[in-house]
Amino acid sequence: MGNNENNELEDKVYNLALKIEKTKIAEYVDILDNKWRLLSINFVAGLARGFGMAVGFTILGALFIYIAQRIITLNLPVIGDFIAELVKIVKQNL
């Protein structure tokens, strides 16, 4: 191998090492080795997901009820009666 080929190979190996370091594989393996840390990270992530779903569902439900009340005020014959009944049921259960 010539000197030029060695330099080219060293550059490729160096670039590959940089790319591997950017993926943070070492930190990922450290987390996998520490079971309690992995458990705590997943627990907190699960709490955040659950809280996000609860808040999102609440907002979507409130938006649905608001839109349903607006449709009722338009006095559409079939849809208005159906939605009025739904809103009555929801208000009774609150």
N, C-alpha and C. Protein backbone atom coordinates (compact mmCIF):
# COMPACT_ATOMS: atom_id res chain seq x y z
N MET A 1 0.83 -1.17 0.00
CA MET A 1 0.00 0.00 0.00
C MET A 1 0.87 1.24 0.00
N GLY A 2 0.45 2.18 -0.78
CA GLY A 2 1.20 3.43 -0.84
C GLY A 2 0.80 4.37 0.27
N ASN A 3 1.58 5.40 0.41
CA ASN A 3 1.34 6.40 1.44
C ASN A 3 0.01 7.10 1.23
N ASN A 4 -0.33 7.34 -0.04
CA ASN A 4 -1.59 8.01 -0.37
C ASN A 4 -2.79 7.15 0.03
N GLU A 5 -2.68 5.84 -0.19
CA GLU A 5 -3.76 4.92 0.18
C GLU A 5 -3.93 4.86 1.69
N ASN A 6 -2.80 4.90 2.44
CA ASN A 6 -2.87 4.90 3.90
C ASN A 6 -3.60 6.14 4.42
N ASN A 7 -3.26 7.29 3.85
CA ASN A 7 -3.90 8.53 4.28
C ASN A 7 -5.40 8.50 3.98
N GLU A 8 -5.74 7.98 2.82
CA GLU A 8 -7.16 7.89 2.44
C GLU A 8 -7.91 6.95 3.38
N LEU A 9 -7.29 5.82 3.71
CA LEU A 9 -7.91 4.86 4.61
C LEU A 9 -8.05 5.45 6.02
N GLU A 10 -7.02 6.16 6.47
CA GLU A 10 -7.09 6.81 7.79
C GLU A 10 -8.21 7.85 7.83
N ASP A 11 -8.37 8.60 6.76
CA ASP A 11 -9.46 9.60 6.70
C ASP A 11 -10.83 8.93 6.77
N LYS A 12 -10.97 7.82 6.06
CA LYS A 12 -12.25 7.12 6.09
C LYS A 12 -12.54 6.56 7.47
N VAL A 13 -11.53 5.98 8.11
CA VAL A 13 -11.71 5.43 9.45
C VAL A 13 -12.05 6.56 10.43
N TYR A 14 -11.36 7.68 10.30
CA TYR A 14 -11.62 8.83 11.18
C TYR A 14 -13.05 9.35 10.98
N ASN A 15 -13.48 9.48 9.74
CA ASN A 15 -14.85 9.94 9.47
C ASN A 15 -15.89 8.96 10.00
N LEU A 16 -15.59 7.67 9.85
CA LEU A 16 -16.50 6.65 10.38
C LEU A 16 -16.58 6.73 11.90
N ALA A 17 -15.45 6.94 12.55
CA ALA A 17 -15.43 7.07 14.01
C ALA A 17 -16.24 8.29 14.45
N LEU A 18 -16.13 9.40 13.73
CA LEU A 18 -16.91 10.59 14.05
C LEU A 18 -18.41 10.34 13.91
N LYS A 19 -18.79 9.65 12.83
CA LYS A 19 -20.21 9.36 12.62
C LYS A 19 -20.75 8.44 13.71
N ILE A 20 -19.97 7.46 14.13
CA ILE A 20 -20.41 6.55 15.19
C ILE A 20 -20.53 7.32 16.50
N GLU A 21 -19.59 8.23 16.76
CA GLU A 21 -19.64 9.02 17.99
C GLU A 21 -20.87 9.93 17.99
N LYS A 22 -21.28 10.45 16.85
CA LYS A 22 -22.46 11.32 16.76
C LYS A 22 -23.75 10.56 17.05
N THR A 23 -23.78 9.26 16.81
CA THR A 23 -24.98 8.47 17.08
C THR A 23 -25.15 8.19 18.57
N LYS A 24 -24.12 8.49 19.37
CA LYS A 24 -24.16 8.32 20.83
C LYS A 24 -24.50 6.88 21.23
N ILE A 25 -23.90 5.95 20.55
CA ILE A 25 -24.12 4.54 20.86
C ILE A 25 -23.62 4.20 22.26
N ALA A 26 -22.52 4.83 22.68
CA ALA A 26 -21.96 4.53 24.00
C ALA A 26 -22.95 4.90 25.10
N GLU A 27 -23.61 6.06 24.98
CA GLU A 27 -24.59 6.46 25.99
C GLU A 27 -25.78 5.51 25.99
N TYR A 28 -26.20 5.07 24.81
CA TYR A 28 -27.32 4.14 24.70
C TYR A 28 -26.98 2.81 25.37
N VAL A 29 -25.79 2.32 25.15
CA VAL A 29 -25.37 1.06 25.77
C VAL A 29 -25.28 1.22 27.29
N ASP A 30 -24.81 2.38 27.77
CA ASP A 30 -24.77 2.64 29.21
C ASP A 30 -26.16 2.58 29.83
N ILE A 31 -27.15 3.16 29.13
CA ILE A 31 -28.52 3.13 29.63
C ILE A 31 -29.05 1.70 29.65
N LEU A 32 -28.74 0.93 28.62
CA LEU A 32 -29.21 -0.46 28.58
C LEU A 32 -28.57 -1.31 29.67
N ASP A 33 -27.33 -1.00 30.03
CA ASP A 33 -26.65 -1.76 31.07
C ASP A 33 -27.20 -1.45 32.46
N ASN A 34 -27.69 -0.24 32.68
CA ASN A 34 -28.20 0.17 33.98
C ASN A 34 -29.73 0.01 33.97
N LYS A 35 -30.21 -1.10 34.48
CA LYS A 35 -31.64 -1.44 34.40
C LYS A 35 -32.51 -0.44 35.15
N TRP A 36 -32.06 0.06 36.31
CA TRP A 36 -32.86 1.01 37.07
C TRP A 36 -33.00 2.34 36.34
N ARG A 37 -31.93 2.76 35.69
CA ARG A 37 -32.00 4.01 34.91
C ARG A 37 -32.94 3.84 33.72
N LEU A 38 -32.85 2.70 33.05
CA LEU A 38 -33.74 2.42 31.93
C LEU A 38 -35.19 2.38 32.39
N LEU A 39 -35.44 1.75 33.53
CA LEU A 39 -36.80 1.69 34.08
C LEU A 39 -37.32 3.08 34.42
N SER A 40 -36.48 3.89 35.05
CA SER A 40 -36.93 5.24 35.43
C SER A 40 -37.19 6.12 34.22
N ILE A 41 -36.35 6.03 33.20
CA ILE A 41 -36.55 6.81 31.98
C ILE A 41 -37.86 6.40 31.30
N ASN A 42 -38.10 5.11 31.20
CA ASN A 42 -39.34 4.63 30.57
C ASN A 42 -40.57 4.98 31.40
N PHE A 43 -40.44 4.96 32.73
CA PHE A 43 -41.56 5.31 33.59
C PHE A 43 -41.94 6.78 33.40
N VAL A 44 -40.95 7.66 33.41
CA VAL A 44 -41.22 9.09 33.22
C VAL A 44 -41.79 9.34 31.83
N ALA A 45 -41.27 8.65 30.82
CA ALA A 45 -41.80 8.81 29.47
C ALA A 45 -43.25 8.35 29.40
N GLY A 46 -43.58 7.27 30.09
CA GLY A 46 -44.96 6.78 30.12
C GLY A 46 -45.90 7.75 30.82
N LEU A 47 -45.43 8.35 31.92
CA LEU A 47 -46.23 9.36 32.60
C LEU A 47 -46.51 10.55 31.68
N ALA A 48 -45.48 10.99 30.98
CA ALA A 48 -45.64 12.13 30.07
C ALA A 48 -46.61 11.80 28.95
N ARG A 49 -46.52 10.61 28.39
CA ARG A 49 -47.45 10.21 27.33
C ARG A 49 -48.88 10.15 27.85
N GLY A 50 -49.06 9.56 29.01
CA GLY A 50 -50.40 9.46 29.59
C GLY A 50 -51.00 10.82 29.89
N PHE A 51 -50.20 11.70 30.46
CA PHE A 51 -50.67 13.05 30.75
C PHE A 51 -51.02 13.79 29.46
N GLY A 52 -50.19 13.63 28.45
CA GLY A 52 -50.45 14.28 27.16
C GLY A 52 -51.73 13.77 26.51
N MET A 53 -51.97 12.47 26.61
CA MET A 53 -53.21 11.92 26.05
C MET A 53 -54.43 12.43 26.81
N ALA A 54 -54.31 12.50 28.14
CA ALA A 54 -55.45 12.98 28.94
C ALA A 54 -55.78 14.44 28.61
N VAL A 55 -54.76 15.27 28.52
CA VAL A 55 -54.98 16.67 28.21
C VAL A 55 -55.52 16.82 26.79
N GLY A 56 -54.94 16.07 25.86
CA GLY A 56 -55.41 16.14 24.48
C GLY A 56 -56.84 15.68 24.32
N PHE A 57 -57.20 14.60 25.00
CA PHE A 57 -58.58 14.10 24.92
C PHE A 57 -59.55 15.11 25.53
N THR A 58 -59.14 15.74 26.62
CA THR A 58 -59.99 16.74 27.26
C THR A 58 -60.23 17.92 26.32
N ILE A 59 -59.17 18.39 25.68
CA ILE A 59 -59.30 19.52 24.76
C ILE A 59 -60.17 19.14 23.57
N LEU A 60 -59.95 17.95 23.01
CA LEU A 60 -60.76 17.53 21.87
C LEU A 60 -62.23 17.34 22.26
N GLY A 61 -62.47 16.79 23.45
CA GLY A 61 -63.85 16.63 23.91
C GLY A 61 -64.55 17.96 24.10
N ALA A 62 -63.84 18.91 24.70
CA ALA A 62 -64.42 20.24 24.90
C ALA A 62 -64.69 20.92 23.56
N LEU A 63 -63.76 20.75 22.63
CA LEU A 63 -63.95 21.33 21.29
C LEU A 63 -65.16 20.70 20.60
N PHE A 64 -65.32 19.39 20.75
CA PHE A 64 -66.46 18.71 20.15
C PHE A 64 -67.78 19.23 20.73
N ILE A 65 -67.81 19.36 22.05
CA ILE A 65 -69.04 19.86 22.68
C ILE A 65 -69.33 21.29 22.26
N TYR A 66 -68.30 22.11 22.17
CA TYR A 66 -68.48 23.50 21.73
C TYR A 66 -69.04 23.56 20.31
N ILE A 67 -68.46 22.77 19.41
CA ILE A 67 -68.93 22.75 18.02
C ILE A 67 -70.35 22.19 17.96
N ALA A 68 -70.62 21.16 18.77
CA ALA A 68 -71.96 20.58 18.79
C ALA A 68 -72.99 21.61 19.24
N GLN A 69 -72.66 22.40 20.24
CA GLN A 69 -73.59 23.44 20.70
C GLN A 69 -73.82 24.50 19.62
N ARG A 70 -72.79 24.82 18.88
CA ARG A 70 -72.93 25.80 17.79
C ARG A 70 -73.83 25.25 16.68
N ILE A 71 -73.71 23.95 16.40
CA ILE A 71 -74.56 23.34 15.36
C ILE A 71 -76.01 23.34 15.81
N ILE A 72 -76.23 23.14 17.11
CA ILE A 72 -77.59 23.16 17.62
C ILE A 72 -78.23 24.53 17.40
N THR A 73 -77.45 25.58 17.60
CA THR A 73 -78.01 26.93 17.44
C THR A 73 -78.39 27.22 15.99
N LEU A 74 -77.84 26.45 15.05
CA LEU A 74 -78.20 26.64 13.65
C LEU A 74 -79.56 26.02 13.32
N ASN A 75 -80.09 25.22 14.24
CA ASN A 75 -81.39 24.57 14.09
C ASN A 75 -81.48 23.72 12.82
N LEU A 76 -80.48 22.92 12.59
CA LEU A 76 -80.55 21.95 11.50
C LEU A 76 -81.49 20.85 11.93
N PRO A 77 -82.42 20.44 11.09
CA PRO A 77 -83.50 19.54 11.53
C PRO A 77 -83.03 18.23 12.15
N VAL A 78 -82.36 17.40 11.42
CA VAL A 78 -82.01 16.06 11.91
C VAL A 78 -80.77 16.11 12.80
N ILE A 79 -79.75 16.79 12.34
CA ILE A 79 -78.49 16.83 13.07
C ILE A 79 -78.66 17.59 14.39
N GLY A 80 -79.40 18.67 14.36
CA GLY A 80 -79.59 19.48 15.56
C GLY A 80 -80.26 18.69 16.68
N ASP A 81 -81.30 17.93 16.37
CA ASP A 81 -81.99 17.14 17.40
C ASP A 81 -81.08 16.06 17.98
N PHE A 82 -80.33 15.40 17.10
CA PHE A 82 -79.42 14.35 17.53
C PHE A 82 -78.34 14.91 18.46
N ILE A 83 -77.74 16.01 18.05
CA ILE A 83 -76.67 16.61 18.85
C ILE A 83 -77.24 17.20 20.14
N ALA A 84 -78.45 17.74 20.10
CA ALA A 84 -79.07 18.26 21.32
C ALA A 84 -79.24 17.15 22.34
N GLU A 85 -79.63 15.98 21.88
CA GLU A 85 -79.78 14.84 22.78
C GLU A 85 -78.43 14.43 23.37
N LEU A 86 -77.39 14.43 22.53
CA LEU A 86 -76.04 14.11 23.01
C LEU A 86 -75.58 15.10 24.07
N VAL A 87 -75.80 16.38 23.81
CA VAL A 87 -75.37 17.40 24.77
C VAL A 87 -76.13 17.27 26.08
N LYS A 88 -77.41 16.92 26.03
CA LYS A 88 -78.19 16.71 27.25
C LYS A 88 -77.60 15.56 28.07
N ILE A 89 -77.27 14.48 27.38
CA ILE A 89 -76.69 13.31 28.07
C ILE A 89 -75.38 13.69 28.71
N VAL A 90 -74.53 14.41 27.99
CA VAL A 90 -73.22 14.80 28.53
C VAL A 90 -73.39 15.71 29.72
N LYS A 91 -74.29 16.69 29.63
CA LYS A 91 -74.49 17.61 30.75
C LYS A 91 -75.07 16.90 31.97
N GLN A 92 -75.91 15.90 31.78
CA GLN A 92 -76.45 15.14 32.90
C GLN A 92 -75.36 14.34 33.60
N ASN A 93 -74.41 13.83 32.83
CA ASN A 93 -73.35 13.02 33.42
C ASN A 93 -72.26 13.86 34.06
N LEU A 94 -72.21 15.14 33.76
CA LEU A 94 -71.23 16.01 34.41
C LEU A 94 -71.76 16.39 35.76
